[in-house]
N, C-alpha and C. Protein backbone atom coordinates (compact mmCIF):
# COMPACT_ATOMS: atom_id res chain seq x y z
N MET A 1 79.05 30.90 163.21
CA MET A 1 79.60 31.07 165.03
C MET A 1 78.29 30.64 165.84
N PRO A 2 78.64 30.62 166.72
CA PRO A 2 76.79 30.04 167.60
C PRO A 2 76.82 31.50 168.28
N ALA A 3 75.33 31.36 168.71
CA ALA A 3 74.64 32.68 169.10
C ALA A 3 75.13 33.01 170.42
N PRO A 4 74.51 33.84 170.94
CA PRO A 4 75.89 33.90 172.30
C PRO A 4 74.46 33.65 173.44
N CYS A 5 74.81 33.11 174.50
CA CYS A 5 73.82 32.28 175.20
C CYS A 5 73.37 33.29 176.04
N ASN A 6 71.30 32.94 175.97
CA ASN A 6 70.82 33.88 176.90
C ASN A 6 70.54 33.61 178.36
N ALA A 7 70.83 34.71 179.33
CA ALA A 7 71.15 34.30 180.87
C ALA A 7 70.03 33.42 181.38
N ALA A 8 69.59 34.70 181.05
CA ALA A 8 67.96 34.78 181.60
C ALA A 8 67.63 33.46 181.37
N ALA A 9 67.26 32.82 179.80
CA ALA A 9 66.51 32.43 178.96
C ALA A 9 66.92 30.34 179.61
N ALA A 10 68.65 30.08 180.26
CA ALA A 10 68.65 29.50 180.50
C ALA A 10 68.75 29.84 182.23
N SER A 11 68.60 30.80 183.14
CA SER A 11 67.91 30.22 184.22
C SER A 11 66.60 30.25 184.84
N VAL A 12 65.80 30.58 183.83
CA VAL A 12 64.37 30.09 183.90
C VAL A 12 64.40 28.46 183.71
N ARG A 13 65.59 28.17 182.16
CA ARG A 13 64.74 26.83 181.93
C ARG A 13 65.27 25.45 182.96
N GLY A 14 66.08 26.30 183.69
CA GLY A 14 66.85 26.02 185.34
C GLY A 14 66.22 25.92 186.49
N ALA A 15 65.40 26.66 186.87
CA ALA A 15 64.74 27.42 187.60
C ALA A 15 63.54 26.19 189.04
N ARG A 16 63.61 26.20 189.85
CA ARG A 16 63.22 25.59 190.77
C ARG A 16 61.64 25.50 191.30
N ALA A 17 60.76 25.17 190.96
CA ALA A 17 59.62 25.03 191.15
C ALA A 17 59.18 24.65 192.73
N ARG A 18 58.12 25.97 193.08
CA ARG A 18 57.70 25.25 194.65
C ARG A 18 56.53 25.89 194.48
N ARG A 19 55.18 25.03 195.17
CA ARG A 19 53.56 25.28 195.19
C ARG A 19 52.74 25.76 196.72
N TRP A 20 54.52 26.17 197.33
CA TRP A 20 53.72 26.77 198.01
C TRP A 20 53.81 28.32 198.51
N PRO A 21 53.45 29.27 199.51
CA PRO A 21 51.77 29.37 199.21
C PRO A 21 51.32 29.71 198.01
N PHE A 22 52.12 29.63 197.19
CA PHE A 22 51.76 29.73 195.60
C PHE A 22 52.64 29.13 194.86
N ALA A 23 52.45 29.09 193.10
CA ALA A 23 52.95 28.68 192.26
C ALA A 23 53.78 29.74 191.99
N HIS A 24 55.13 29.04 192.38
CA HIS A 24 56.23 30.15 192.31
C HIS A 24 57.73 29.30 191.61
N TRP A 25 58.90 30.27 191.14
CA TRP A 25 59.95 29.28 190.94
C TRP A 25 61.34 30.87 191.60
N LEU A 26 61.77 29.54 192.13
CA LEU A 26 63.74 30.17 192.35
C LEU A 26 64.69 29.52 191.36
N LEU A 27 65.17 30.92 190.72
CA LEU A 27 66.05 30.90 190.17
C LEU A 27 67.59 31.16 190.03
N ASP A 28 68.92 30.63 189.66
CA ASP A 28 70.51 31.29 190.20
C ASP A 28 70.59 31.97 188.92
N ASP A 29 71.56 32.92 189.13
CA ASP A 29 72.15 33.05 188.15
C ASP A 29 71.04 34.08 187.05
N VAL A 30 70.83 34.97 187.22
CA VAL A 30 69.22 35.11 186.35
C VAL A 30 70.11 36.25 185.53
N LEU A 31 71.26 37.41 185.57
CA LEU A 31 72.26 38.11 184.42
C LEU A 31 73.17 37.57 184.68
N PRO A 32 73.79 38.75 183.47
CA PRO A 32 74.80 37.95 183.45
C PRO A 32 75.97 39.43 183.87
N PRO A 33 77.02 38.64 183.58
CA PRO A 33 78.25 39.94 185.35
C PRO A 33 77.72 41.16 184.36
N ALA A 34 77.63 41.73 182.84
CA ALA A 34 78.13 42.53 182.54
C ALA A 34 77.11 43.69 182.86
N ALA A 35 75.53 43.18 183.27
CA ALA A 35 74.56 43.57 183.24
C ALA A 35 73.98 43.94 185.09
N CYS A 36 74.93 43.00 185.67
CA CYS A 36 75.17 42.69 187.21
C CYS A 36 75.67 43.77 187.72
N ALA A 37 76.82 44.59 186.44
CA ALA A 37 77.77 45.25 187.12
C ALA A 37 77.28 46.89 186.74
N ALA A 38 76.66 46.88 185.58
CA ALA A 38 75.65 47.54 185.57
C ALA A 38 74.71 48.71 186.83
N LEU A 39 73.98 47.92 187.11
CA LEU A 39 73.02 48.06 187.99
C LEU A 39 73.51 47.89 188.95
N VAL A 40 74.52 47.61 189.55
CA VAL A 40 75.03 47.52 190.93
C VAL A 40 75.80 48.96 190.90
N GLY A 41 76.06 49.15 190.13
CA GLY A 41 76.78 50.53 189.59
C GLY A 41 76.50 51.76 189.32
N TRP A 42 74.96 51.28 188.89
CA TRP A 42 73.91 52.30 188.06
C TRP A 42 73.42 53.56 189.66
N ASP A 43 74.00 54.67 189.53
CA ASP A 43 73.51 55.49 190.91
C ASP A 43 72.39 56.82 190.03
N PRO A 44 71.52 56.90 190.45
CA PRO A 44 70.39 57.61 190.28
C PRO A 44 70.66 58.89 189.94
N GLY A 45 71.27 59.51 191.07
CA GLY A 45 71.31 60.51 191.30
C GLY A 45 70.35 61.19 192.59
N ALA A 46 69.44 60.02 193.31
CA ALA A 46 68.60 60.34 194.26
C ALA A 46 69.12 59.92 195.89
N ALA A 47 68.88 61.18 196.64
CA ALA A 47 68.70 61.02 197.86
C ALA A 47 68.09 59.83 198.41
N SER A 48 68.98 58.87 199.22
CA SER A 48 68.43 57.94 200.45
C SER A 48 67.60 58.42 201.40
N HIS A 49 66.31 58.46 201.62
CA HIS A 49 65.60 59.05 202.54
C HIS A 49 65.21 57.28 203.64
N GLY A 50 65.52 57.64 204.70
CA GLY A 50 64.74 56.26 205.56
C GLY A 50 63.50 56.62 205.96
N GLY A 51 62.97 55.86 207.42
CA GLY A 51 61.50 56.15 207.31
C GLY A 51 60.75 55.22 207.31
N ASP A 52 60.01 55.22 208.03
CA ASP A 52 59.25 54.33 207.46
C ASP A 52 58.08 54.66 206.06
N THR A 53 57.76 53.88 204.96
CA THR A 53 57.51 53.21 204.20
C THR A 53 55.90 53.47 203.89
N GLY A 54 55.44 53.00 204.94
CA GLY A 54 53.28 52.82 204.77
C GLY A 54 53.40 52.03 204.23
N GLY A 55 54.20 50.61 204.05
CA GLY A 55 54.28 49.56 203.52
C GLY A 55 53.80 49.63 201.87
N ARG A 56 54.26 51.25 201.32
CA ARG A 56 54.11 51.30 199.73
C ARG A 56 55.66 51.69 199.25
N ARG A 57 55.97 50.97 198.22
CA ARG A 57 56.81 51.48 197.03
C ARG A 57 56.87 52.72 196.35
N ASP A 58 55.69 53.25 196.30
CA ASP A 58 55.52 53.90 195.62
C ASP A 58 55.87 55.76 196.24
N ALA A 59 55.87 55.15 197.58
CA ALA A 59 56.17 56.01 198.77
C ALA A 59 58.00 56.66 198.81
N ARG A 60 58.65 55.83 197.93
CA ARG A 60 60.32 56.12 197.45
C ARG A 60 60.31 56.09 196.12
N ASN A 61 59.21 57.16 195.55
CA ASN A 61 59.54 57.39 193.79
C ASN A 61 61.21 57.85 193.63
N GLY A 62 61.65 58.42 194.32
CA GLY A 62 63.14 58.99 193.75
C GLY A 62 63.74 57.68 194.42
N ARG A 63 63.83 56.63 194.85
CA ARG A 63 64.70 55.41 194.79
C ARG A 63 63.77 54.89 193.74
N ARG A 64 63.40 54.98 192.89
CA ARG A 64 63.05 53.80 191.69
C ARG A 64 63.14 54.23 190.52
N VAL A 65 64.02 53.63 189.84
CA VAL A 65 64.39 54.06 188.22
C VAL A 65 63.73 52.78 187.42
N PHE A 66 64.02 53.63 185.96
CA PHE A 66 64.00 52.67 185.02
C PHE A 66 64.89 51.77 183.81
N VAL A 67 64.49 50.30 183.33
CA VAL A 67 66.05 50.30 182.13
C VAL A 67 64.64 51.16 180.68
N THR A 68 64.83 52.22 180.64
CA THR A 68 64.02 52.79 179.64
C THR A 68 65.23 52.63 177.78
N PRO A 69 64.22 53.28 177.19
CA PRO A 69 65.12 54.09 175.45
C PRO A 69 66.47 54.64 176.51
N ARG A 70 66.03 55.84 176.94
CA ARG A 70 67.29 56.21 177.32
C ARG A 70 68.72 56.02 178.26
N ALA A 71 67.90 55.11 179.21
CA ALA A 71 68.51 54.52 179.63
C ALA A 71 69.30 53.18 179.65
N ARG A 72 68.70 52.61 177.95
CA ARG A 72 69.08 51.59 177.26
C ARG A 72 70.46 52.72 176.39
N ARG A 73 71.32 53.45 175.96
CA ARG A 73 72.16 53.79 175.98
C ARG A 73 73.43 53.37 176.52
N ASP A 74 73.18 53.12 177.65
CA ASP A 74 74.32 52.26 178.40
C ASP A 74 74.13 50.97 177.67
N PRO A 75 75.29 50.20 177.22
CA PRO A 75 75.15 49.43 176.35
C PRO A 75 75.15 47.63 177.21
N ALA A 76 75.36 48.02 178.81
CA ALA A 76 75.03 46.61 179.33
C ALA A 76 73.49 46.82 179.63
N LEU A 77 72.74 48.38 180.31
CA LEU A 77 71.57 48.30 179.78
C LEU A 77 71.06 47.64 178.78
N ASP A 78 71.33 48.26 177.82
CA ASP A 78 70.63 47.73 176.38
C ASP A 78 70.41 45.89 176.33
N LEU A 79 71.56 45.63 175.88
CA LEU A 79 71.60 44.29 176.59
C LEU A 79 70.79 43.39 177.53
N LEU A 80 70.59 43.57 178.81
CA LEU A 80 69.94 43.44 179.63
C LEU A 80 68.16 43.13 178.61
N ALA A 81 68.40 44.46 178.55
CA ALA A 81 66.51 44.98 178.00
C ALA A 81 66.22 43.85 177.01
N ARG A 82 67.39 43.63 175.91
CA ARG A 82 66.78 43.00 174.15
C ARG A 82 67.72 41.40 174.94
N MET A 83 67.96 40.88 176.51
CA MET A 83 67.76 39.94 176.77
C MET A 83 66.47 39.26 176.82
N PHE A 84 65.65 39.91 178.16
CA PHE A 84 64.64 39.91 178.44
C PHE A 84 63.89 39.40 176.88
N ASP A 85 63.62 40.48 176.07
CA ASP A 85 62.70 40.51 175.43
C ASP A 85 62.58 39.61 174.40
N ALA A 86 63.72 39.31 174.44
CA ALA A 86 64.49 38.25 173.21
C ALA A 86 63.16 37.01 172.64
N ALA A 87 62.81 36.89 172.15
CA ALA A 87 61.68 35.83 172.11
C ALA A 87 62.07 33.75 172.76
N GLU A 88 63.37 33.86 172.61
CA GLU A 88 64.13 32.82 173.67
C GLU A 88 64.08 32.65 175.19
N ALA A 89 63.96 34.40 175.62
CA ALA A 89 63.62 34.40 177.17
C ALA A 89 62.21 34.03 177.51
N ARG A 90 61.42 35.08 176.35
CA ARG A 90 59.95 35.04 176.52
C ARG A 90 59.44 33.60 176.37
N ASP A 91 59.75 32.88 175.13
CA ASP A 91 59.56 31.03 174.89
C ASP A 91 59.84 30.19 176.30
N ALA A 92 61.00 30.57 177.05
CA ALA A 92 61.53 29.50 177.72
C ALA A 92 60.33 30.26 179.42
N ILE A 93 60.08 31.60 179.33
CA ILE A 93 59.30 31.66 180.35
C ILE A 93 57.98 30.93 180.47
N ALA A 94 57.69 31.21 178.95
CA ALA A 94 56.14 30.83 178.89
C ALA A 94 56.37 28.68 179.44
N ALA A 95 57.30 28.91 178.92
CA ALA A 95 57.70 27.23 179.10
C ALA A 95 57.75 26.79 180.27
N ARG A 96 57.85 27.43 180.85
CA ARG A 96 57.89 27.26 182.25
C ARG A 96 56.80 27.57 183.50
N CYS A 97 56.75 28.07 183.43
CA CYS A 97 55.74 29.02 184.47
C CYS A 97 53.95 29.40 183.50
N GLY A 98 54.17 29.31 182.18
CA GLY A 98 52.69 29.24 181.61
C GLY A 98 52.44 30.17 181.59
N ALA A 99 52.90 31.70 182.09
CA ALA A 99 52.80 32.82 181.28
C ALA A 99 52.90 33.47 180.18
N ARG A 100 51.61 33.69 180.19
CA ARG A 100 50.68 34.46 178.83
C ARG A 100 51.46 36.13 178.69
N LEU A 101 52.07 36.02 177.67
CA LEU A 101 53.10 37.01 177.38
C LEU A 101 53.01 37.78 175.53
N ALA A 102 52.10 37.01 174.85
CA ALA A 102 52.52 37.32 173.69
C ALA A 102 51.12 39.22 173.74
N GLY A 103 52.07 39.78 173.60
CA GLY A 103 51.54 41.35 173.26
C GLY A 103 51.84 42.14 174.16
N THR A 104 53.36 41.22 175.23
CA THR A 104 53.34 42.16 176.35
C THR A 104 54.84 43.17 176.16
N ALA A 105 54.51 43.88 176.69
CA ALA A 105 55.39 45.10 176.69
C ALA A 105 56.18 45.00 178.20
N LEU A 106 58.01 44.98 177.60
CA LEU A 106 58.90 44.80 179.47
C LEU A 106 58.62 45.90 179.61
N ARG A 107 59.31 45.79 181.21
CA ARG A 107 59.54 46.56 182.24
C ARG A 107 60.26 46.29 183.42
N LEU A 108 61.64 46.80 183.12
CA LEU A 108 62.55 46.78 184.28
C LEU A 108 62.90 47.80 184.59
N GLU A 109 63.02 47.60 186.23
CA GLU A 109 62.43 48.94 187.92
C GLU A 109 63.65 48.32 188.69
N LEU A 110 64.85 49.36 188.94
CA LEU A 110 65.66 49.22 189.34
C LEU A 110 65.25 49.80 190.93
N CYS A 111 65.14 48.92 191.49
CA CYS A 111 64.92 49.27 193.07
C CYS A 111 65.85 49.75 193.97
N LEU A 112 65.89 50.36 195.07
CA LEU A 112 67.06 50.86 196.08
C LEU A 112 66.29 51.11 197.47
N ASP A 113 66.23 50.35 198.39
CA ASP A 113 65.33 50.30 199.13
C ASP A 113 66.64 50.56 200.51
N THR A 114 66.18 51.73 201.49
CA THR A 114 67.16 51.44 202.63
C THR A 114 66.24 51.13 203.62
N ASP A 115 66.89 51.26 205.38
CA ASP A 115 66.38 50.97 206.63
C ASP A 115 64.40 52.10 206.74
N GLY A 116 63.85 50.92 206.89
CA GLY A 116 62.17 51.43 207.39
C GLY A 116 61.94 51.35 205.88
N PHE A 117 62.10 50.63 205.18
CA PHE A 117 61.39 50.21 203.67
C PHE A 117 60.11 49.02 204.26
N TRP A 118 59.44 49.05 204.07
CA TRP A 118 58.84 47.20 203.83
C TRP A 118 57.18 47.67 203.30
N LEU A 119 56.99 46.56 202.16
CA LEU A 119 55.96 46.09 201.65
C LEU A 119 54.83 45.45 202.34
N GLU A 120 53.60 46.04 202.28
CA GLU A 120 52.21 45.05 202.28
C GLU A 120 51.82 44.01 201.65
N PRO A 121 51.41 43.12 201.68
CA PRO A 121 51.10 41.70 201.12
C PRO A 121 49.92 42.36 200.30
N HIS A 122 50.45 42.22 198.93
CA HIS A 122 49.94 42.81 197.61
C HIS A 122 50.22 41.47 196.58
N THR A 123 49.07 41.48 195.59
CA THR A 123 48.90 40.04 194.91
C THR A 123 49.56 40.63 193.49
N ASP A 124 49.76 41.55 192.77
CA ASP A 124 50.31 41.93 191.34
C ASP A 124 49.20 41.68 190.41
N ILE A 125 48.10 41.76 190.62
CA ILE A 125 47.30 41.15 189.76
C ILE A 125 46.62 42.62 189.06
N GLY A 126 46.63 42.15 187.99
CA GLY A 126 46.08 43.21 187.31
C GLY A 126 47.26 43.65 185.63
N ALA A 127 47.59 43.90 185.58
CA ALA A 127 48.28 44.49 184.25
C ALA A 127 49.19 43.48 184.09
N LYS A 128 49.71 42.96 184.87
CA LYS A 128 51.71 42.50 184.97
C LYS A 128 50.24 40.71 185.13
N ALA A 129 51.98 40.70 183.81
CA ALA A 129 51.69 38.98 183.20
C ALA A 129 52.92 38.42 184.06
N LEU A 130 53.27 38.95 184.44
CA LEU A 130 54.43 38.02 184.95
C LEU A 130 55.66 39.04 185.88
N THR A 131 55.83 38.26 186.87
CA THR A 131 56.75 39.02 187.75
C THR A 131 57.85 38.82 188.75
N LEU A 132 59.16 38.53 188.14
CA LEU A 132 60.86 38.08 188.59
C LEU A 132 61.21 39.48 188.91
N LEU A 133 61.44 38.69 190.40
CA LEU A 133 62.53 39.90 190.94
C LEU A 133 63.77 38.76 191.72
N VAL A 134 64.58 39.97 190.81
CA VAL A 134 66.47 39.69 191.04
C VAL A 134 66.85 40.48 192.12
N ALA A 135 67.67 39.24 192.98
CA ALA A 135 68.40 40.17 194.32
C ALA A 135 69.06 40.50 193.99
N LEU A 136 69.85 41.61 194.12
CA LEU A 136 71.31 42.80 193.97
C LEU A 136 72.15 42.98 194.65
N SER A 137 71.97 42.61 196.46
CA SER A 137 72.53 42.97 197.37
C SER A 137 73.31 42.13 197.58
N SER A 138 75.06 42.78 198.08
CA SER A 138 75.38 41.70 199.07
C SER A 138 76.00 42.71 199.94
N GLY A 139 76.81 41.71 200.87
CA GLY A 139 77.31 42.92 201.90
C GLY A 139 76.79 41.81 203.70
N PRO A 140 76.41 42.10 204.55
CA PRO A 140 76.33 42.06 205.93
C PRO A 140 74.67 42.18 205.71
N GLY A 141 73.70 40.54 206.34
CA GLY A 141 72.42 40.40 205.99
C GLY A 141 71.93 40.25 204.57
N ALA A 142 72.46 41.02 203.88
CA ALA A 142 71.33 41.08 202.28
C ALA A 142 70.98 38.95 201.95
N ALA A 143 71.42 38.46 202.03
CA ALA A 143 70.83 37.75 202.04
C ALA A 143 69.61 36.90 202.76
N ASP A 144 69.39 38.00 203.77
CA ASP A 144 67.95 37.22 204.71
C ASP A 144 66.83 39.09 203.68
N TRP A 145 67.34 39.34 202.89
CA TRP A 145 66.33 40.93 202.01
C TRP A 145 65.69 40.25 200.67
N GLY A 146 65.62 38.61 200.65
CA GLY A 146 64.98 38.29 199.90
C GLY A 146 62.67 38.46 200.38
N THR A 147 62.35 38.73 199.07
CA THR A 147 60.33 38.88 199.25
C THR A 147 59.95 37.93 199.85
N ASP A 148 58.79 38.12 200.62
CA ASP A 148 58.65 37.58 201.56
C ASP A 148 57.31 36.48 201.24
N LEU A 149 56.48 35.64 200.70
CA LEU A 149 55.51 34.73 200.38
C LEU A 149 55.12 34.63 201.46
N MET A 150 53.04 35.13 201.33
CA MET A 150 52.19 35.37 202.32
C MET A 150 50.79 34.81 201.64
N THR A 151 50.16 33.87 202.69
CA THR A 151 48.98 33.27 202.25
C THR A 151 47.61 34.04 202.31
N ALA A 152 46.94 34.17 201.81
CA ALA A 152 45.56 35.20 201.81
C ALA A 152 45.17 36.04 202.53
N ASP A 153 45.92 35.81 204.06
CA ASP A 153 45.09 36.63 205.07
C ASP A 153 46.76 37.36 205.84
N GLY A 154 47.77 37.09 204.91
CA GLY A 154 48.99 38.37 204.97
C GLY A 154 50.04 37.52 205.63
N MET A 155 49.47 36.20 206.17
CA MET A 155 50.56 35.85 207.38
C MET A 155 51.89 35.19 206.34
N PRO A 156 53.10 35.40 206.52
CA PRO A 156 54.43 34.93 205.53
C PRO A 156 55.09 33.71 206.17
N VAL A 157 55.25 32.79 205.21
CA VAL A 157 55.57 31.32 205.13
C VAL A 157 56.27 31.59 205.08
N ALA A 158 56.52 31.97 203.78
CA ALA A 158 58.15 31.32 203.43
C ALA A 158 58.42 33.00 202.84
N ARG A 159 60.15 33.21 202.47
CA ARG A 159 60.69 33.94 202.48
C ARG A 159 62.09 33.43 201.20
N ALA A 160 61.83 34.57 199.75
CA ALA A 160 63.36 33.95 199.10
C ALA A 160 63.82 34.70 199.14
N SER A 161 65.20 34.00 198.47
CA SER A 161 66.07 34.37 198.91
C SER A 161 66.67 35.36 198.00
N GLY A 162 67.66 36.23 199.20
CA GLY A 162 68.45 37.30 198.87
C GLY A 162 69.88 37.78 198.71
N ALA A 163 70.35 36.77 197.79
CA ALA A 163 71.36 35.97 197.30
C ALA A 163 71.99 37.07 196.51
N PHE A 164 73.21 37.08 196.23
CA PHE A 164 73.30 37.90 194.89
C PHE A 164 73.09 37.14 193.86
N ASN A 165 72.03 38.00 192.36
CA ASN A 165 72.15 37.53 191.38
C ASN A 165 71.29 36.20 191.28
N SER A 166 69.98 36.47 192.85
CA SER A 166 68.88 34.82 192.41
C SER A 166 67.70 35.50 192.30
N GLY A 167 66.92 34.94 191.69
CA GLY A 167 65.86 35.22 191.17
C GLY A 167 64.53 34.35 192.12
N LEU A 168 63.20 35.08 192.66
CA LEU A 168 61.84 34.74 192.36
C LEU A 168 61.34 34.96 191.29
N MET A 169 60.08 34.02 190.67
CA MET A 169 59.50 34.46 189.48
C MET A 169 58.38 33.71 189.96
N PHE A 170 56.94 34.75 189.59
CA PHE A 170 55.54 33.90 189.65
C PHE A 170 54.59 34.68 188.59
N VAL A 171 53.58 33.91 188.54
CA VAL A 171 52.49 34.48 187.06
C VAL A 171 51.92 34.66 188.25
N PRO A 172 51.58 36.32 188.52
CA PRO A 172 50.66 36.77 188.71
C PRO A 172 48.98 36.93 189.28
N GLY A 173 48.53 36.41 190.37
CA GLY A 173 46.82 36.24 190.26
C GLY A 173 46.39 36.14 191.65
N ALA A 174 45.37 35.91 191.77
CA ALA A 174 44.39 35.76 193.22
C ALA A 174 45.04 35.32 194.83
N ALA A 175 46.04 34.65 193.96
CA ALA A 175 46.63 33.65 195.03
C ALA A 175 48.33 34.24 195.86
N SER A 176 48.61 35.28 194.89
CA SER A 176 50.11 35.05 194.83
C SER A 176 50.31 36.33 195.74
N TRP A 177 49.60 36.30 197.31
CA TRP A 177 50.46 37.09 198.20
C TRP A 177 51.93 37.31 198.46
N HIS A 178 52.21 38.56 198.23
CA HIS A 178 53.56 38.62 198.79
C HIS A 178 54.18 40.31 199.07
N GLY A 179 55.13 40.69 199.87
CA GLY A 179 55.61 41.62 200.52
C GLY A 179 57.27 41.19 201.09
N PHE A 180 56.54 42.10 201.79
CA PHE A 180 58.72 42.51 202.56
C PHE A 180 58.37 43.38 203.75
N VAL A 181 58.31 42.04 204.93
CA VAL A 181 58.77 42.09 206.73
C VAL A 181 59.74 43.18 206.65
N ARG A 182 59.33 43.85 207.64
CA ARG A 182 60.17 45.15 208.08
C ARG A 182 60.98 44.18 208.21
N ARG A 183 62.34 44.56 208.81
CA ARG A 183 63.40 43.91 209.42
C ARG A 183 64.50 44.92 208.71
N PRO A 184 65.87 45.06 209.60
CA PRO A 184 66.51 46.07 209.59
C PRO A 184 67.50 46.13 208.34
N ILE A 185 67.44 46.77 207.01
CA ILE A 185 68.57 47.15 206.23
C ILE A 185 69.20 48.15 206.24
N ARG A 186 70.91 47.72 206.36
CA ARG A 186 72.29 47.67 206.74
C ARG A 186 72.93 48.39 205.64
N GLY A 187 72.14 49.72 205.05
CA GLY A 187 73.35 49.81 203.51
C GLY A 187 71.99 50.29 202.85
N VAL A 188 71.89 49.41 201.72
CA VAL A 188 71.14 49.49 200.17
C VAL A 188 70.62 47.94 200.10
N ARG A 189 69.39 48.11 199.91
CA ARG A 189 68.74 47.02 199.35
C ARG A 189 67.95 46.88 197.71
N ARG A 190 69.29 46.51 197.04
CA ARG A 190 69.04 46.54 195.52
C ARG A 190 68.48 46.03 194.72
N SER A 191 67.34 45.83 193.94
CA SER A 191 66.63 44.86 193.12
C SER A 191 66.48 45.24 192.10
N LEU A 192 66.44 44.45 191.27
CA LEU A 192 65.98 44.66 189.60
C LEU A 192 63.94 43.90 189.53
N ILE A 193 63.12 44.45 189.52
CA ILE A 193 61.56 43.85 189.48
C ILE A 193 61.43 43.99 187.38
N VAL A 194 61.61 42.58 187.54
CA VAL A 194 61.43 42.08 185.44
C VAL A 194 60.04 42.51 185.44
N ASN A 195 58.98 42.53 184.67
CA ASN A 195 57.71 42.99 184.70
C ASN A 195 57.62 42.90 183.26
N PHE A 196 56.67 41.72 182.61
CA PHE A 196 55.89 41.79 181.12
C PHE A 196 54.21 42.19 181.75
N VAL A 197 54.22 43.72 180.84
CA VAL A 197 52.48 44.06 180.98
C VAL A 197 52.04 43.97 179.31
N SER A 198 50.69 44.27 180.56
CA SER A 198 49.86 43.97 178.77
C SER A 198 49.73 45.42 178.58
N ALA A 199 48.54 45.31 177.46
CA ALA A 199 48.65 46.96 177.33
C ALA A 199 47.46 47.48 177.88
N GLU A 200 47.24 47.29 179.25
CA GLU A 200 46.51 48.00 179.94
C GLU A 200 47.26 49.13 180.72
N TRP A 201 48.42 48.42 180.80
CA TRP A 201 49.56 49.14 180.95
C TRP A 201 49.69 50.85 180.82
N ARG A 202 49.35 52.21 181.29
CA ARG A 202 49.21 53.17 181.46
C ARG A 202 50.91 53.79 181.43
N ALA A 203 51.81 53.81 182.65
CA ALA A 203 52.82 54.37 182.67
C ALA A 203 53.82 53.98 181.44
N THR A 204 53.41 54.20 180.32
CA THR A 204 54.84 53.48 179.13
C THR A 204 55.48 54.12 178.96
N GLY A 205 55.63 55.38 180.28
CA GLY A 205 57.97 55.91 179.69
C GLY A 205 58.07 54.88 181.17
N GLU A 206 57.87 54.03 181.35
CA GLU A 206 58.36 53.61 182.40
C GLU A 206 59.01 51.80 181.62
N LEU A 207 58.40 51.93 180.20
CA LEU A 207 58.66 50.23 179.49
C LEU A 207 60.11 50.17 178.98
N ALA A 208 61.09 49.31 179.05
CA ALA A 208 62.23 48.97 177.85
C ALA A 208 62.08 49.59 176.67
N PHE A 209 61.24 49.07 175.89
CA PHE A 209 60.46 49.60 174.64
C PHE A 209 59.56 50.14 174.13
N ALA A 210 59.61 51.28 173.57
CA ALA A 210 58.38 52.20 173.33
C ALA A 210 56.72 50.55 172.31
N PRO A 211 55.67 50.97 172.99
CA PRO A 211 54.83 50.16 173.39
C PRO A 211 54.68 49.37 171.49
N ARG A 212 54.39 48.28 171.37
CA ARG A 212 53.83 48.01 170.14
C ARG A 212 52.97 46.51 170.40
N GLY A 213 52.23 46.46 169.46
CA GLY A 213 50.84 45.25 169.27
C GLY A 213 51.60 43.97 170.37
N ASP A 214 52.45 43.63 169.42
CA ASP A 214 53.42 42.43 169.76
C ASP A 214 55.02 42.53 170.30
N ALA A 215 55.09 42.23 171.49
CA ALA A 215 56.39 42.44 172.74
C ALA A 215 57.30 41.60 171.66
N ARG A 216 57.29 40.92 171.04
CA ARG A 216 58.01 40.08 170.27
C ARG A 216 59.26 40.65 169.12
């Protein structure tokens, strides 16, 4: 019997490369249907808070949850984590964008943003070896809720698609400025942030698997 298709690896291999304002890749159909359904249906039980976030995601920690070993009791979330952590997905990512993933750990964050949310320009440099943002919203206006790509002076010059199950992938570095320009969010902007993080990452309670020397 052939091995099941790794949807993430297939999506990465078909990603479209862009160079402006920094190297990034645009993906389609990133997650399999079961994972999409689990993430869309996941209600972390946190109250929805409106108002200005001050440009920081941690201003609404109650609207951020992680696919941890406990959350992976849900078979669909367990499959999601194992799909990204698999050698096939890691190898596809490394081949496509040059990310150095040896020895990194998987971090999966589900974000639920409401009206008033915005993100100041930032680069994700540091312990993150890869960032992949997957849009999981539908309905009026959701296609315009993608991440804004910026120049070093914080000027937004491009915007990733917010279409359901589309993705934006990049290797964090000095030029990878991005954010979210404040605009109306009618409902909830739901997205999955996929990071591979180095041993420097201290918030180990956010990881999908227990830390280990080689995350393969």
